[in-house]
């Protein structure tokens, strides 16, 4: 009873805070342009005008000659239509080992699925999985390697685990005095910065650093920040090099030529991912096991939905998706992706709406939610009835601080 009383007091204080915030907002409207609304002035997308770091082979192929190379790669690691590893081998360069992140080297494993170390059937190269219990290269994994080459397509969200893999690879390289060469790629969500900063005590593989949910940085920029802010264990510094993209800046929209993971099949899902991934910490389906992953939300019995879907098992999408075989009613949100490009920012109104409609509210959130949020504040704000505007206003101070740090490490013109 004492714990329940304390919890009720906390919720009451949050409700008072939200109420006070409402009064302030009515008398003092927010500025016309906030951090979460900052973004590009709708620069046209031209993939042909952008060359990724991997494609700029003259910038790094010569430096790799005579070296034994370990490659961190997956299905997005391509030079045109050819896999990076095949291109390296075709140029006579000595690749000795491949490290694969979540989803595996060929990108077929679903989120969270154990990826075992094996041998690539096409090249015969040994594969070392960097997922499950083996997320960081061990000293023995790096034996016989002179340089590690890193090339993964990120989507720009803190809980997308490739930046965590980057961190642990940098740490392993620093511990073993190996250079790391990052082949940069554009960030498809690199045209804005938004979300709560991760707070101490909530560090996990889906959030390792004090950054917002949408950080607005490329992999090379993020790696520079990891080094510059001494975020590696024991304040180690990695021997870092990178090959920049050409023709890219943070005002440009970049459409991915290859899906970055099985459940992000198109650009609508990529744009919606920073907003919808919060639902992975709830009892609401995001469409895993359907043709619409991360573009729909719903659950059985939702009374306001305009779209019906039934999750089923499918290769690479979900072996046992939430509500498998059960009809869900919900919202189809693919059209909202274009709105996010026009007015960049995380959308919370879907999360708030689903919580308010859910019949058994004490079962709405699961233990994963606070890890995704990077704090326990967001959950409490939703429980106490705070509005989207009030919640996002509470992020502003942290975003202002982060933008100052981020600016030091940018390689490309900002939005």
Protein backbone atom coordinates (compact mmCIF):
# COMPACT_ATOMS: atom_id res chain seq x y z
CA UNK A 1 0.00 0.00 0.00
CA UNK A 2 2.87 2.37 0.74
CA UNK A 3 4.38 1.85 -2.72
CA UNK A 4 0.99 2.43 -4.34
CA UNK A 5 0.58 5.64 -2.35
CA UNK A 6 4.00 6.91 -3.43
CA UNK A 7 3.22 6.04 -7.05
CA UNK A 8 -0.08 7.94 -6.87
CA UNK A 9 1.70 10.95 -5.38
CA UNK A 10 4.27 10.91 -8.21
CA UNK A 11 1.52 10.76 -10.83
CA UNK A 12 -0.32 13.58 -9.11
CA UNK A 13 2.79 15.77 -9.16
CA UNK A 14 3.31 15.01 -12.85
CA UNK A 15 -0.32 15.86 -13.55
CA UNK A 16 0.09 19.19 -11.71
CA UNK A 17 3.25 19.87 -13.72
CA UNK A 18 1.43 19.17 -16.96
CA UNK A 19 -1.47 21.34 -15.89
CA UNK A 20 0.88 24.20 -15.07
CA UNK A 21 2.60 23.72 -18.42
CA UNK A 22 -0.78 24.04 -20.16
CA UNK A 23 -1.38 27.40 -18.47
CA UNK A 24 2.02 28.69 -19.57
CA UNK A 25 1.48 27.54 -23.13
CA UNK A 26 -1.85 29.34 -23.39
CA UNK A 27 -0.35 32.65 -22.29
CA UNK A 28 3.10 32.22 -23.87
CA UNK A 29 2.93 30.41 -27.23
CA UNK A 30 6.07 28.50 -28.26
CA UNK A 31 8.40 30.03 -30.83
CA UNK A 32 7.45 29.47 -34.46
CA UNK A 33 10.46 27.23 -35.07
CA UNK A 34 11.58 24.67 -32.48
CA UNK A 35 14.36 22.08 -32.59
CA UNK A 36 11.94 19.28 -33.40
CA UNK A 37 10.60 21.22 -36.37
CA UNK A 38 14.00 22.02 -37.86
CA UNK A 39 14.77 20.33 -41.12
CA UNK A 40 15.57 20.79 -44.77
CA UNK A 41 13.95 23.31 -47.05
CA UNK A 42 12.68 20.38 -49.14
CA UNK A 43 15.80 19.82 -51.21
CA UNK A 44 15.08 17.43 -54.04
CA UNK A 45 16.38 13.90 -53.70
CA UNK A 46 18.83 12.73 -56.36
CA UNK A 47 20.54 9.45 -55.44
CA UNK A 48 22.77 9.72 -58.50
CA UNK A 49 24.18 13.01 -57.17
CA UNK A 50 25.34 11.35 -53.96
CA UNK A 51 28.25 8.94 -53.73
CA UNK A 52 28.64 6.94 -50.55
CA UNK A 53 32.01 6.46 -48.91
CA UNK A 54 32.15 2.88 -50.19
CA UNK A 55 31.61 4.03 -53.77
CA UNK A 56 34.57 6.43 -53.60
CA UNK A 57 37.06 3.60 -54.04
CA UNK A 58 39.92 5.87 -55.13
CA UNK A 59 39.86 7.37 -51.64
CA UNK A 60 40.72 4.13 -49.86
CA UNK A 61 41.48 1.11 -52.08
CA UNK A 62 45.12 2.10 -52.41
CA UNK A 63 45.53 2.38 -48.64
CA UNK A 64 44.26 -1.18 -48.19
CA UNK A 65 46.85 -2.86 -50.41
CA UNK A 66 48.97 -5.39 -48.55
CA UNK A 67 46.78 -5.26 -45.43
CA UNK A 68 44.80 -8.09 -43.86
CA UNK A 69 41.31 -6.65 -43.62
CA UNK A 70 38.43 -7.43 -41.29
CA UNK A 71 35.11 -6.10 -42.59
CA UNK A 72 32.04 -5.17 -40.55
CA UNK A 73 29.27 -5.46 -43.12
CA UNK A 74 25.78 -6.63 -44.00
CA UNK A 75 23.48 -6.61 -47.03
CA UNK A 76 23.60 -2.78 -47.23
CA UNK A 77 27.38 -2.78 -47.72
CA UNK A 78 27.44 -2.33 -51.46
CA UNK A 79 29.28 -0.55 -54.22
CA UNK A 80 26.48 -0.12 -56.72
CA UNK A 81 24.90 -3.54 -57.11
CA UNK A 82 27.99 -5.44 -55.92
CA UNK A 83 28.61 -6.33 -52.30
CA UNK A 84 31.56 -4.48 -50.74
CA UNK A 85 33.30 -7.73 -49.80
CA UNK A 86 33.04 -9.02 -53.38
CA UNK A 87 34.40 -5.69 -54.67
CA UNK A 88 37.35 -5.82 -52.29
CA UNK A 89 38.19 -9.39 -53.24
CA UNK A 90 37.73 -8.60 -56.93
CA UNK A 91 40.28 -5.79 -56.60
CA UNK A 92 42.82 -8.23 -55.19
CA UNK A 93 42.55 -6.93 -51.62
CA UNK A 94 42.97 -9.37 -48.76
CA UNK A 95 39.78 -9.73 -46.75
CA UNK A 96 40.37 -12.31 -44.03
CA UNK A 97 37.23 -12.10 -41.90
CA UNK A 98 33.71 -10.65 -41.89
CA UNK A 99 31.88 -9.40 -38.80
CA UNK A 100 28.09 -9.24 -39.04
CA UNK A 101 25.73 -7.18 -36.83
CA UNK A 102 22.08 -7.74 -35.83
CA UNK A 103 20.12 -9.28 -38.76
CA UNK A 104 23.27 -11.05 -40.00
CA UNK A 105 25.63 -10.69 -42.95
CA UNK A 106 22.91 -11.22 -45.55
CA UNK A 107 20.30 -9.32 -43.50
CA UNK A 108 17.74 -12.12 -43.15
CA UNK A 109 17.52 -12.45 -39.36
CA UNK A 110 14.72 -10.68 -37.53
CA UNK A 111 15.28 -8.16 -34.74
CA UNK A 112 16.67 -9.80 -31.62
CA UNK A 113 17.20 -13.18 -33.31
CA UNK A 114 20.41 -15.01 -32.44
CA UNK A 115 22.86 -14.86 -35.34
CA UNK A 116 25.51 -17.56 -35.14
CA UNK A 117 29.06 -17.32 -36.43
CA UNK A 118 29.59 -19.35 -39.59
CA UNK A 119 31.21 -19.26 -43.02
CA UNK A 120 29.90 -17.19 -45.92
CA UNK A 121 28.82 -19.70 -48.56
CA UNK A 122 29.68 -17.38 -51.46
CA UNK A 123 33.22 -16.32 -50.47
CA UNK A 124 34.25 -18.97 -47.95
CA UNK A 125 35.21 -16.23 -45.50
CA UNK A 126 34.72 -16.84 -41.79
CA UNK A 127 31.79 -14.92 -40.33
CA UNK A 128 31.80 -13.63 -36.75
CA UNK A 129 28.41 -12.60 -35.41
CA UNK A 130 28.36 -9.40 -33.36
CA UNK A 131 24.99 -10.05 -31.79
CA UNK A 132 23.59 -12.01 -28.89
CA UNK A 133 26.25 -12.70 -26.25
CA UNK A 134 29.09 -11.78 -28.62
CA UNK A 135 28.43 -8.15 -29.48
CA UNK A 136 32.01 -6.98 -29.28
CA UNK A 137 34.95 -8.45 -31.24
CA UNK A 138 37.27 -10.40 -28.97
CA UNK A 139 41.03 -10.17 -29.10
CA UNK A 140 41.18 -13.60 -30.73
CA UNK A 141 38.63 -12.46 -33.35
CA UNK A 142 40.98 -9.65 -34.35
CA UNK A 143 44.13 -11.75 -34.47
CA UNK A 144 45.77 -11.64 -37.88
CA UNK A 145 43.95 -8.44 -38.89
CA UNK A 146 45.76 -5.19 -39.74
CA UNK A 147 42.73 -2.94 -40.23
CA UNK A 148 38.97 -3.08 -39.64
CA UNK A 149 36.71 -1.67 -42.36
CA UNK A 150 33.23 -0.62 -41.19
CA UNK A 151 30.36 -0.17 -43.65
CA UNK A 152 26.75 -0.35 -42.37
CA UNK A 153 23.71 1.65 -43.43
CA UNK A 154 22.19 3.27 -40.35
CA UNK A 155 18.70 4.82 -40.13
CA UNK A 156 19.53 7.52 -37.60
CA UNK A 157 17.64 6.36 -34.49
CA UNK A 158 19.30 5.77 -31.12
CA UNK A 159 17.61 2.40 -30.65
CA UNK A 160 18.67 1.10 -34.07
CA UNK A 161 21.55 -1.07 -32.90
CA UNK A 162 24.15 -0.42 -35.61
CA UNK A 163 25.55 2.60 -33.72
CA UNK A 164 25.94 0.34 -30.69
CA UNK A 165 27.85 -2.14 -32.86
CA UNK A 166 29.99 0.77 -34.08
CA UNK A 167 30.77 1.72 -30.48
CA UNK A 168 31.85 -1.79 -29.49
CA UNK A 169 33.94 -2.26 -32.65
CA UNK A 170 35.69 1.06 -31.95
CA UNK A 171 36.33 -0.07 -28.38
CA UNK A 172 37.78 -3.41 -29.51
CA UNK A 173 40.00 -1.67 -32.07
CA UNK A 174 41.23 0.78 -29.44
CA UNK A 175 42.04 -2.03 -27.01
CA UNK A 176 43.97 -3.90 -29.69
CA UNK A 177 45.61 -0.83 -31.28
CA UNK A 178 43.97 -1.45 -34.65
CA UNK A 179 42.88 1.31 -37.05
CA UNK A 180 39.21 1.54 -37.99
CA UNK A 181 38.16 2.90 -41.37
CA UNK A 182 34.48 3.95 -41.59
CA UNK A 183 32.96 4.13 -45.05
CA UNK A 184 30.27 6.72 -44.51
CA UNK A 185 26.71 6.55 -45.80
CA UNK A 186 23.95 9.19 -45.76
CA UNK A 187 21.50 9.14 -42.87
CA UNK A 188 17.94 8.87 -44.26
CA UNK A 189 16.67 10.53 -41.06
CA UNK A 190 19.58 12.95 -40.90
CA UNK A 191 17.48 16.02 -41.65
CA UNK A 192 16.32 16.65 -38.06
CA UNK A 193 17.11 16.04 -34.39
CA UNK A 194 14.41 15.15 -31.86
CA UNK A 195 13.48 13.07 -28.84
CA UNK A 196 14.49 12.72 -25.21
CA UNK A 197 18.16 12.29 -24.34
CA UNK A 198 19.15 8.98 -22.80
CA UNK A 199 19.53 9.36 -19.03
CA UNK A 200 22.08 7.67 -16.73
CA UNK A 201 20.86 4.29 -15.56
CA UNK A 202 19.09 3.42 -18.83
CA UNK A 203 22.08 2.35 -20.90
CA UNK A 204 21.54 -0.77 -23.00
CA UNK A 205 22.28 -2.11 -26.49
CA UNK A 206 19.35 0.00 -27.77
CA UNK A 207 20.84 3.12 -26.22
CA UNK A 208 24.46 3.54 -25.17
CA UNK A 209 25.06 7.30 -25.19
CA UNK A 210 23.52 10.57 -24.04
CA UNK A 211 21.93 11.38 -27.38
CA UNK A 212 18.32 11.95 -28.44
CA UNK A 213 16.27 9.32 -30.22
CA UNK A 214 16.92 11.02 -33.58
CA UNK A 215 20.53 12.22 -33.56
CA UNK A 216 20.82 13.56 -37.12
CA UNK A 217 24.34 12.21 -37.75
CA UNK A 218 25.98 9.84 -40.19
CA UNK A 219 28.05 6.89 -38.99
CA UNK A 220 31.35 8.73 -39.50
CA UNK A 221 30.06 11.80 -37.68
CA UNK A 222 28.80 9.63 -34.83
CA UNK A 223 32.15 7.81 -34.63
CA UNK A 224 33.92 11.18 -34.40
CA UNK A 225 31.62 12.12 -31.53
CA UNK A 226 32.29 8.84 -29.69
CA UNK A 227 36.02 9.54 -29.86
CA UNK A 228 35.76 13.25 -29.14
CA UNK A 229 33.49 12.86 -26.12
CA UNK A 230 35.56 9.92 -24.76
CA UNK A 231 32.56 7.60 -24.64
CA UNK A 232 34.57 4.41 -25.02
CA UNK A 233 35.40 2.33 -21.95
CA UNK A 234 38.21 3.81 -19.86
CA UNK A 235 38.14 6.90 -22.14
CA UNK A 236 39.98 5.00 -24.86
CA UNK A 237 40.37 6.64 -28.27
CA UNK A 238 40.07 4.65 -31.47
CA UNK A 239 42.52 5.14 -34.36
CA UNK A 240 39.69 6.39 -36.56
CA UNK A 241 39.65 7.26 -40.26
CA UNK A 242 36.71 7.72 -42.58
CA UNK A 243 35.74 8.23 -46.20
CA UNK A 244 33.07 10.90 -46.58
CA UNK A 245 30.03 10.86 -48.82
CA UNK A 246 30.18 13.27 -51.74
CA UNK A 247 27.18 15.37 -52.77
CA UNK A 248 25.44 14.85 -49.42
CA UNK A 249 24.33 17.28 -46.74
CA UNK A 250 21.81 17.22 -43.90
CA UNK A 251 19.26 19.12 -45.95
CA UNK A 252 19.06 16.33 -48.51
CA UNK A 253 16.64 13.44 -48.48
CA UNK A 254 18.33 10.15 -49.26
CA UNK A 255 16.32 7.08 -50.21
CA UNK A 256 17.94 3.77 -49.37
CA UNK A 257 18.71 1.46 -52.30
CA UNK A 258 18.64 -1.63 -50.03
CA UNK A 259 16.41 -2.25 -47.02
CA UNK A 260 18.55 -1.86 -43.87
CA UNK A 261 16.74 -4.67 -42.03
CA UNK A 262 13.86 -7.08 -42.75
CA UNK A 263 11.18 -4.98 -41.06
CA UNK A 264 12.12 -1.68 -42.71
CA UNK A 265 11.16 -2.54 -46.30
CA UNK A 266 10.58 0.96 -47.70
CA UNK A 267 11.12 4.64 -47.01
CA UNK A 268 7.74 5.07 -45.30
CA UNK A 269 8.82 2.57 -42.64
CA UNK A 270 12.21 4.28 -42.31
CA UNK A 271 10.64 7.70 -41.74
CA UNK A 272 8.06 6.33 -39.30
CA UNK A 273 10.50 4.12 -37.38
CA UNK A 274 11.69 6.74 -34.83
CA UNK A 275 8.07 7.37 -33.80
CA UNK A 276 6.70 3.82 -34.00
CA UNK A 277 9.55 1.91 -32.38
CA UNK A 278 8.26 3.07 -28.98
CA UNK A 279 5.36 0.66 -29.53
CA UNK A 280 7.83 -2.23 -29.27
CA UNK A 281 7.65 -1.50 -25.55
CA UNK A 282 3.86 -1.86 -25.48
CA UNK A 283 1.08 -4.33 -26.30
CA UNK A 284 0.46 -2.63 -29.65
CA UNK A 285 1.60 -4.33 -32.86
CA UNK A 286 3.68 -2.35 -35.36
CA UNK A 287 2.83 -4.80 -38.13
CA UNK A 288 5.63 -7.31 -37.69
CA UNK A 289 4.60 -10.44 -39.56
CA UNK A 290 2.60 -8.48 -42.16
CA UNK A 291 3.32 -6.69 -45.42
CA UNK A 292 3.23 -3.37 -43.52
CA UNK A 293 5.89 -3.43 -40.78
CA UNK A 294 6.41 -0.06 -39.09
CA UNK A 295 3.67 1.56 -41.15
CA UNK A 296 0.68 0.24 -39.18
CA UNK A 297 -0.24 0.09 -35.50
CA UNK A 298 -3.07 -1.75 -33.79
CA UNK A 299 -4.28 -4.46 -31.47
CA UNK A 300 -7.27 -6.83 -31.23
CA UNK A 301 -10.40 -4.92 -30.29
CA UNK A 302 -9.17 -1.39 -31.03
CA UNK A 303 -12.41 0.46 -31.62
CA UNK A 304 -11.25 3.43 -33.67
CA UNK A 305 -9.16 1.73 -36.34
CA UNK A 306 -9.65 2.04 -40.07
CA UNK A 307 -7.34 -0.84 -41.04
CA UNK A 308 -7.37 -4.58 -40.32
CA UNK A 309 -4.30 -6.84 -40.35
CA UNK A 310 -3.37 -10.28 -39.06
CA UNK A 311 0.29 -10.96 -38.15
CA UNK A 312 1.67 -14.30 -39.34
CA UNK A 313 5.08 -15.98 -39.23
CA UNK A 314 7.28 -15.15 -42.20
CA UNK A 315 10.98 -15.59 -42.94
CA UNK A 316 13.12 -12.72 -41.73
CA UNK A 317 10.14 -10.73 -40.52
CA UNK A 318 9.02 -12.50 -37.38
CA UNK A 319 8.90 -16.14 -36.37
CA UNK A 320 6.45 -15.41 -33.57
CA UNK A 321 5.04 -11.90 -34.04
CA UNK A 322 2.84 -10.17 -31.50
CA UNK A 323 -0.80 -11.31 -31.98
CA UNK A 324 0.21 -14.06 -34.39
CA UNK A 325 -2.90 -15.35 -36.17
CA UNK A 326 -5.16 -12.85 -34.41
CA UNK A 327 -6.95 -10.11 -36.32
CA UNK A 328 -5.88 -6.63 -35.27
CA UNK A 329 -7.63 -3.37 -35.97
CA UNK A 330 -5.61 -0.22 -36.15
CA UNK A 331 -4.24 2.66 -38.17
CA UNK A 332 -2.39 2.61 -41.48
CA UNK A 333 0.19 5.40 -41.30
CA UNK A 334 2.22 5.13 -44.50
CA UNK A 335 0.85 8.44 -45.81
CA UNK A 336 2.14 10.19 -42.68
CA UNK A 337 5.74 9.54 -43.73
CA UNK A 338 5.54 12.33 -46.30
CA UNK A 339 4.33 14.70 -43.58
CA UNK A 340 7.40 13.88 -41.47
CA UNK A 341 9.60 14.96 -44.38
CA UNK A 342 7.73 18.27 -44.60
CA UNK A 343 7.56 18.93 -40.84
CA UNK A 344 10.32 16.82 -39.26
CA UNK A 345 9.86 15.47 -35.76
CA UNK A 346 8.88 12.47 -33.66
CA UNK A 347 5.12 11.95 -33.43
CA UNK A 348 3.79 10.98 -30.01
CA UNK A 349 0.04 11.44 -30.56
CA UNK A 350 -0.30 7.87 -31.87
CA UNK A 351 1.32 6.50 -28.71
CA UNK A 352 -0.88 8.67 -26.49
CA UNK A 353 -4.02 7.72 -28.43
CA UNK A 354 -3.33 4.01 -28.22
CA UNK A 355 -2.67 4.21 -24.50
CA UNK A 356 -5.85 6.15 -23.87
CA UNK A 357 -7.89 3.62 -25.87
CA UNK A 358 -6.32 0.49 -24.38
CA UNK A 359 -8.80 -1.22 -22.02
CA UNK A 360 -6.26 -2.71 -19.57
CA UNK A 361 -3.92 0.24 -19.09
CA UNK A 362 -1.80 -1.45 -16.44
CA UNK A 363 -0.76 -3.97 -19.10
CA UNK A 364 -0.11 -1.49 -21.92
CA UNK A 365 3.62 -0.96 -21.28
CA UNK A 366 6.22 -3.70 -20.95
CA UNK A 367 9.70 -3.62 -19.40
CA UNK A 368 11.33 -2.73 -22.72
CA UNK A 369 9.65 0.66 -23.02
CA UNK A 370 11.95 2.60 -20.70
CA UNK A 371 15.02 1.24 -22.49
CA UNK A 372 13.65 2.51 -25.79
CA UNK A 373 12.76 5.87 -24.28
CA UNK A 374 16.09 6.08 -22.46
CA UNK A 375 14.31 7.19 -19.29
CA UNK A 376 11.29 6.47 -17.12
CA UNK A 377 9.92 10.00 -17.54
CA UNK A 378 8.14 9.48 -20.87
CA UNK A 379 6.08 6.61 -19.50
CA UNK A 380 5.12 8.64 -16.43
CA UNK A 381 4.19 11.62 -18.60
CA UNK A 382 1.84 9.47 -20.67
CA UNK A 383 0.33 7.89 -17.55
CA UNK A 384 -0.31 11.32 -16.06
CA UNK A 385 -2.06 12.64 -19.18
CA UNK A 386 0.54 15.06 -20.53
CA UNK A 387 -0.04 16.17 -24.11
CA UNK A 388 2.38 15.68 -26.99
CA UNK A 389 3.26 19.38 -26.89
CA UNK A 390 4.00 19.28 -23.18
CA UNK A 391 6.15 16.17 -23.45
CA UNK A 392 8.16 17.55 -26.37
CA UNK A 393 8.66 20.87 -24.57
CA UNK A 394 10.33 18.91 -21.75
CA UNK A 395 12.97 17.66 -24.23
CA UNK A 396 14.06 21.11 -25.35
CA UNK A 397 16.84 21.80 -22.84
CA UNK A 398 18.49 18.46 -23.55
CA UNK A 399 18.20 18.95 -27.31
CA UNK A 400 19.82 22.38 -27.08
CA UNK A 401 22.79 20.91 -25.21
CA UNK A 402 23.13 18.01 -27.65
CA UNK A 403 23.06 20.26 -30.71
CA UNK A 404 26.07 22.15 -29.40
CA UNK A 405 28.00 18.89 -28.96
CA UNK A 406 26.83 17.49 -32.30
CA UNK A 407 27.97 20.58 -34.19
CA UNK A 408 31.62 19.87 -33.34
CA UNK A 409 31.64 16.57 -35.20
CA UNK A 410 29.61 17.26 -38.35
CA UNK A 411 31.24 16.56 -41.71
CA UNK A 412 28.42 17.91 -43.86
CA UNK A 413 26.44 21.14 -44.13
CA UNK A 414 23.66 21.08 -41.54
CA UNK A 415 19.94 21.70 -41.93
